[in-house]
Amino acid sequence: MNKLSETQNEDKRRKQAGLKIIYEPSGRAKEYGDLALNIYTGCSFGCTYCFAPAVLKKDRDTFHNSVKTRDNLLEKVEHDCKSGLIDRPVHLCFTCDPYQDIDVRLQLTREVLKLFKKYNINFQMLTKGGMRAARDFDLYKPGDSFGSTLTFLPYNQFAGYWEPNAPNNGDRYESLLIAHEEGIRTWVSLEPVIYPEDSLEIIKWTHDYVDLYKVGTINYDSRKKEIDWKGFGHKAIELLESYGKEYYIKDDLKAYL
């Protein structure tokens, strides 16, 4: 019997819970959120380290170049919001970026956040979209949070290789700062860690306006074997504690400590 794909498992868990599009993630994703919603199918940012094509068992080129909207997205989201089954914040998103290129035109992410606000559903955003996301800060309410994946220091010369179509990292720092100034809880995903010293510097650069850090490793890449994860992990913890920051060490990194 063939092992079920992550998409099939997602569908199964959703149906068991009585939901149409919001679902309970499993595996590594569970460390980021108890509930999740993927607004689009595919992602145009084209990050070379992206885990989603492998997890979804999709061709990488198709995944990055054939982005689609989810069928009846808003109707399904409203159904789930009204169901009374959403009792924890919903993570946006795992297998796509909510502020990728297609959303600049369609703005479906904003429509989803309007529904969450209407039904008082909390969410946690995770995006590389940078200032694209700032257009929706007016829809955040107490209990919501805004997060960004920070892999490089601003204007790192290698960022274009790893994240060819994503907004530059400097844009992401600015969006976190503005969110903080507007009273929104902020967080950073330090994963993947490609250049450990850069990741440590990111903490130093951002600790004044980031509330929570989630720190991991790099997966789906051969260079994982070349990094001293134990040394990096202890340095990251020491640094975060010196700033009095809230943090979570992901299981992949915790295994080395």
Protein backbone atom coordinates (compact mmCIF):
# COMPACT_ATOMS: atom_id res chain seq x y z
CA MET A 1 0.00 0.00 0.00
CA ASN A 2 1.38 3.41 -0.95
CA LYS A 3 1.96 5.86 1.82
CA LEU A 4 -0.60 8.66 1.80
CA SER A 5 0.66 12.03 0.60
CA GLU A 6 0.56 14.97 3.00
CA THR A 7 -2.32 16.42 0.98
CA GLN A 8 -4.36 13.25 1.46
CA ASN A 9 -3.51 13.16 5.16
CA GLU A 10 -4.57 16.80 5.46
CA ASP A 11 -7.90 16.02 3.82
CA LYS A 12 -8.43 13.05 6.11
CA ARG A 13 -7.72 15.00 9.30
CA ARG A 14 -9.92 17.88 8.14
CA LYS A 15 -12.92 15.62 7.46
CA GLN A 16 -12.49 13.88 10.79
CA ALA A 17 -12.63 17.26 12.51
CA GLY A 18 -15.72 18.38 10.60
CA LEU A 19 -13.86 21.19 8.83
CA LYS A 20 -13.70 22.06 5.13
CA ILE A 21 -10.36 23.82 4.71
CA ILE A 22 -8.73 24.59 8.07
CA TYR A 23 -6.86 21.54 9.35
CA GLU A 24 -4.65 20.19 12.12
CA PRO A 25 -1.05 19.81 10.91
CA SER A 26 1.25 16.93 11.84
CA GLY A 27 4.97 16.22 12.01
CA ARG A 28 7.38 19.18 11.95
CA ALA A 29 4.54 21.57 11.08
CA LYS A 30 2.84 20.81 14.39
CA GLU A 31 5.60 22.74 16.15
CA TYR A 32 4.43 25.92 14.45
CA GLY A 33 0.70 25.68 14.95
CA ASP A 34 -2.17 23.49 16.13
CA LEU A 35 -4.41 24.59 13.26
CA ALA A 36 -3.51 25.81 9.79
CA LEU A 37 -4.86 27.14 6.51
CA ASN A 38 -3.13 27.21 3.13
CA ILE A 39 -4.67 29.99 1.05
CA TYR A 40 -3.02 29.11 -2.26
CA THR A 41 -1.74 25.98 -3.97
CA GLY A 42 1.93 26.47 -4.83
CA CYS A 43 4.25 29.40 -4.17
CA SER A 44 5.92 31.76 -6.64
CA PHE A 45 8.76 32.83 -4.33
CA GLY A 46 10.75 29.85 -5.61
CA CYS A 47 12.89 29.28 -2.50
CA THR A 48 15.41 26.58 -3.33
CA TYR A 49 15.22 25.11 0.18
CA CYS A 50 11.41 24.88 0.22
CA PHE A 51 10.11 21.69 1.84
CA ALA A 52 6.61 21.88 0.37
CA PRO A 53 7.13 20.20 -3.03
CA ALA A 54 8.67 17.13 -1.38
CA VAL A 55 6.02 16.94 1.34
CA LEU A 56 3.19 17.41 -1.16
CA LYS A 57 4.87 15.05 -3.66
CA LYS A 58 4.79 17.70 -6.39
CA ASP A 59 7.24 18.60 -9.12
CA ARG A 60 9.24 21.60 -7.89
CA ASP A 61 8.93 23.63 -11.11
CA THR A 62 5.17 23.11 -11.23
CA PHE A 63 4.81 24.02 -7.56
CA HIS A 64 6.63 27.32 -8.03
CA ASN A 65 5.29 28.29 -11.46
CA SER A 66 1.65 27.17 -11.43
CA VAL A 67 0.16 28.84 -8.39
CA LYS A 68 -3.59 28.51 -8.03
CA THR A 69 -6.35 29.65 -5.72
CA ARG A 70 -8.10 27.09 -3.55
CA ASP A 71 -11.57 26.13 -4.78
CA ASN A 72 -14.34 28.03 -2.94
CA LEU A 73 -11.76 29.29 -0.47
CA LEU A 74 -13.77 32.00 1.25
CA GLU A 75 -16.95 29.93 1.49
CA LYS A 76 -15.02 27.10 3.13
CA VAL A 77 -13.20 29.43 5.51
CA GLU A 78 -16.48 31.00 6.60
CA HIS A 79 -18.00 27.55 7.13
CA ASP A 80 -15.10 26.60 9.41
CA CYS A 81 -15.21 29.91 11.28
CA LYS A 82 -18.92 29.40 11.98
CA SER A 83 -18.49 25.76 13.01
CA GLY A 84 -17.43 26.47 16.58
CA LEU A 85 -14.53 24.05 16.10
CA ILE A 86 -11.78 26.67 15.79
CA ASP A 87 -10.55 27.06 19.35
CA ARG A 88 -6.87 27.82 18.71
CA PRO A 89 -5.03 30.32 16.48
CA VAL A 90 -4.85 29.37 12.79
CA HIS A 91 -1.40 29.38 11.21
CA LEU A 92 -1.06 31.08 7.79
CA CYS A 93 0.50 29.34 5.88
CA PHE A 94 2.58 26.14 5.68
CA THR A 95 2.71 25.15 2.01
CA CYS A 96 2.48 28.59 0.41
CA ASP A 97 3.19 32.20 1.27
CA PRO A 98 0.06 34.25 2.00
CA TYR A 99 1.62 37.33 0.38
CA GLN A 100 3.16 35.83 -2.73
CA ASP A 101 2.73 37.48 -6.13
CA ILE A 102 -0.79 36.25 -6.87
CA ASP A 103 -2.08 37.80 -3.64
CA VAL A 104 -0.91 41.26 -4.65
CA ARG A 105 -3.59 41.05 -7.33
CA LEU A 106 -6.31 38.96 -5.65
CA GLN A 107 -5.85 39.97 -1.99
CA LEU A 108 -7.48 36.76 -0.78
CA THR A 109 -5.36 36.85 2.36
CA ARG A 110 -7.04 40.09 3.35
CA GLU A 111 -10.48 38.56 2.76
CA VAL A 112 -9.55 35.60 4.98
CA LEU A 113 -8.40 37.94 7.75
CA LYS A 114 -11.68 39.84 7.47
CA LEU A 115 -13.54 36.59 8.13
CA PHE A 116 -11.29 35.80 11.08
CA LYS A 117 -12.05 39.22 12.49
CA LYS A 118 -15.78 38.85 11.86
CA TYR A 119 -15.92 35.57 13.77
CA ASN A 120 -13.23 36.49 16.32
CA ILE A 121 -10.85 33.75 15.19
CA ASN A 122 -7.22 34.31 16.14
CA PHE A 123 -4.40 33.68 13.68
CA GLN A 124 -0.63 33.72 13.43
CA MET A 125 0.89 34.95 10.20
CA LEU A 126 4.18 33.69 8.78
CA THR A 127 5.39 35.29 5.57
CA LYS A 128 8.38 36.40 3.55
CA GLY A 129 6.15 39.05 1.98
CA GLY A 130 7.60 41.90 4.01
CA MET A 131 5.82 45.21 3.54
CA ARG A 132 3.15 43.59 1.38
CA ALA A 133 1.71 42.31 4.64
CA ALA A 134 1.52 45.76 6.22
CA ARG A 135 -1.61 46.57 4.22
CA ASP A 136 -3.51 44.17 6.51
CA PHE A 137 -2.20 45.26 9.90
CA ASP A 138 -5.49 47.08 10.47
CA LEU A 139 -7.23 43.69 10.70
CA TYR A 140 -5.13 42.36 13.59
CA LYS A 141 -6.80 42.03 16.97
CA PRO A 142 -5.63 40.94 20.44
CA GLY A 143 -4.35 37.37 20.24
CA ASP A 144 -3.15 37.63 16.62
CA SER A 145 0.54 37.67 15.72
CA PHE A 146 2.70 38.61 12.75
CA GLY A 147 5.80 36.60 11.89
CA SER A 148 8.46 36.51 9.21
CA THR A 149 11.02 33.94 8.10
CA LEU A 150 14.44 35.58 8.43
CA THR A 151 17.18 33.56 6.79
CA PHE A 152 19.69 36.29 5.94
CA LEU A 153 20.88 39.68 7.08
CA PRO A 154 19.51 42.52 4.90
CA TYR A 155 20.89 42.55 1.38
CA ASN A 156 22.95 39.37 1.82
CA GLN A 157 24.57 38.67 -1.55
CA PHE A 158 23.47 35.01 -1.50
CA ALA A 159 19.80 35.63 -0.70
CA GLY A 160 18.89 35.84 -4.38
CA TYR A 161 20.08 32.29 -4.92
CA TRP A 162 18.17 30.79 -2.02
CA GLU A 163 15.02 32.96 -2.27
CA PRO A 164 15.01 34.14 -5.91
CA ASN A 165 11.55 35.70 -6.12
CA ALA A 166 10.85 36.66 -2.51
CA PRO A 167 10.94 40.26 -1.23
CA ASN A 168 14.36 41.13 0.14
CA ASN A 169 15.12 40.50 3.78
CA GLY A 170 15.41 44.21 4.57
CA ASP A 171 11.74 44.57 3.63
CA ARG A 172 10.86 41.88 6.16
CA TYR A 173 12.75 43.60 8.98
CA GLU A 174 10.82 46.78 8.26
CA SER A 175 7.46 45.00 8.36
CA LEU A 176 8.28 43.46 11.75
CA LEU A 177 9.30 46.85 13.12
CA ILE A 178 6.09 48.49 11.91
CA ALA A 179 3.95 45.65 13.27
CA HIS A 180 5.65 46.05 16.65
CA GLU A 181 5.06 49.80 16.61
CA GLU A 182 1.38 49.16 15.93
CA GLY A 183 1.11 46.92 18.98
CA ILE A 184 1.00 43.59 17.13
CA ARG A 185 2.77 40.62 18.68
CA THR A 186 5.73 39.72 16.46
CA TRP A 187 7.72 36.56 15.94
CA VAL A 188 10.51 35.23 13.74
CA SER A 189 11.13 31.82 12.25
CA LEU A 190 14.89 31.25 12.26
CA GLU A 191 14.56 28.29 9.95
CA PRO A 192 16.18 27.29 7.73
CA VAL A 193 19.50 28.20 9.28
CA ILE A 194 21.91 28.32 6.34
CA TYR A 195 24.65 30.54 7.75
CA PRO A 196 24.58 30.09 11.56
CA GLU A 197 26.53 33.26 12.33
CA ASP A 198 24.04 35.27 10.28
CA SER A 199 21.17 33.76 12.25
CA LEU A 200 22.82 34.82 15.50
CA GLU A 201 23.30 38.32 14.10
CA ILE A 202 19.63 38.42 13.13
CA ILE A 203 18.72 37.99 16.80
CA LYS A 204 21.01 40.91 17.69
CA TRP A 205 19.48 43.07 14.95
CA THR A 206 15.83 42.38 15.78
CA HIS A 207 15.50 41.70 19.51
CA ASP A 208 14.12 45.18 20.22
CA TYR A 209 10.98 44.56 18.16
CA VAL A 210 10.51 40.77 18.00
CA ASP A 211 8.65 39.02 20.82
CA LEU A 212 9.24 35.34 19.99
CA TYR A 213 11.83 33.32 18.07
CA LYS A 214 11.41 29.78 16.79
CA VAL A 215 14.81 28.30 15.97
CA GLY A 216 15.45 25.23 13.83
CA THR A 217 17.98 23.78 11.40
CA ILE A 218 17.96 23.31 7.64
CA ASN A 219 16.29 20.27 6.14
CA TYR A 220 16.23 18.85 2.62
CA ASP A 221 19.78 20.11 1.98
CA SER A 222 23.11 18.27 2.13
CA ARG A 223 24.90 21.11 3.93
CA LYS A 224 23.00 20.23 7.10
CA LYS A 225 25.80 17.73 7.82
CA GLU A 226 28.44 20.47 7.62
CA ILE A 227 27.08 22.66 10.44
CA ASP A 228 27.93 22.46 14.14
CA TRP A 229 24.33 22.41 15.31
CA LYS A 230 25.20 21.83 18.96
CA GLY A 231 27.45 24.89 19.02
CA PHE A 232 24.92 27.01 17.15
CA GLY A 233 22.03 25.91 19.36
CA HIS A 234 23.80 26.76 22.61
CA LYS A 235 24.93 30.14 21.25
CA ALA A 236 21.38 30.96 20.11
CA ILE A 237 19.89 30.03 23.49
CA GLU A 238 22.52 32.02 25.38
CA LEU A 239 21.93 35.06 23.19
CA LEU A 240 18.14 34.88 23.41
CA GLU A 241 18.23 34.51 27.17
CA SER A 242 20.64 37.44 27.49
CA TYR A 243 17.97 39.60 25.83
CA GLY A 244 15.17 38.06 27.90
CA LYS A 245 13.39 36.86 24.75
CA GLU A 246 10.76 34.17 24.49
CA TYR A 247 11.95 31.31 22.28
CA TYR A 248 11.18 27.80 21.10
CA ILE A 249 13.86 25.34 19.98
CA LYS A 250 12.49 23.02 17.32
CA ASP A 251 12.91 19.27 17.71
CA ASP A 252 15.36 19.00 14.79
CA LEU A 253 17.76 21.36 16.59
CA LYS A 254 16.95 20.12 20.08
CA ALA A 255 18.20 16.67 19.08
CA TYR A 256 21.76 18.07 18.91
CA LEU A 257 21.68 19.76 22.32
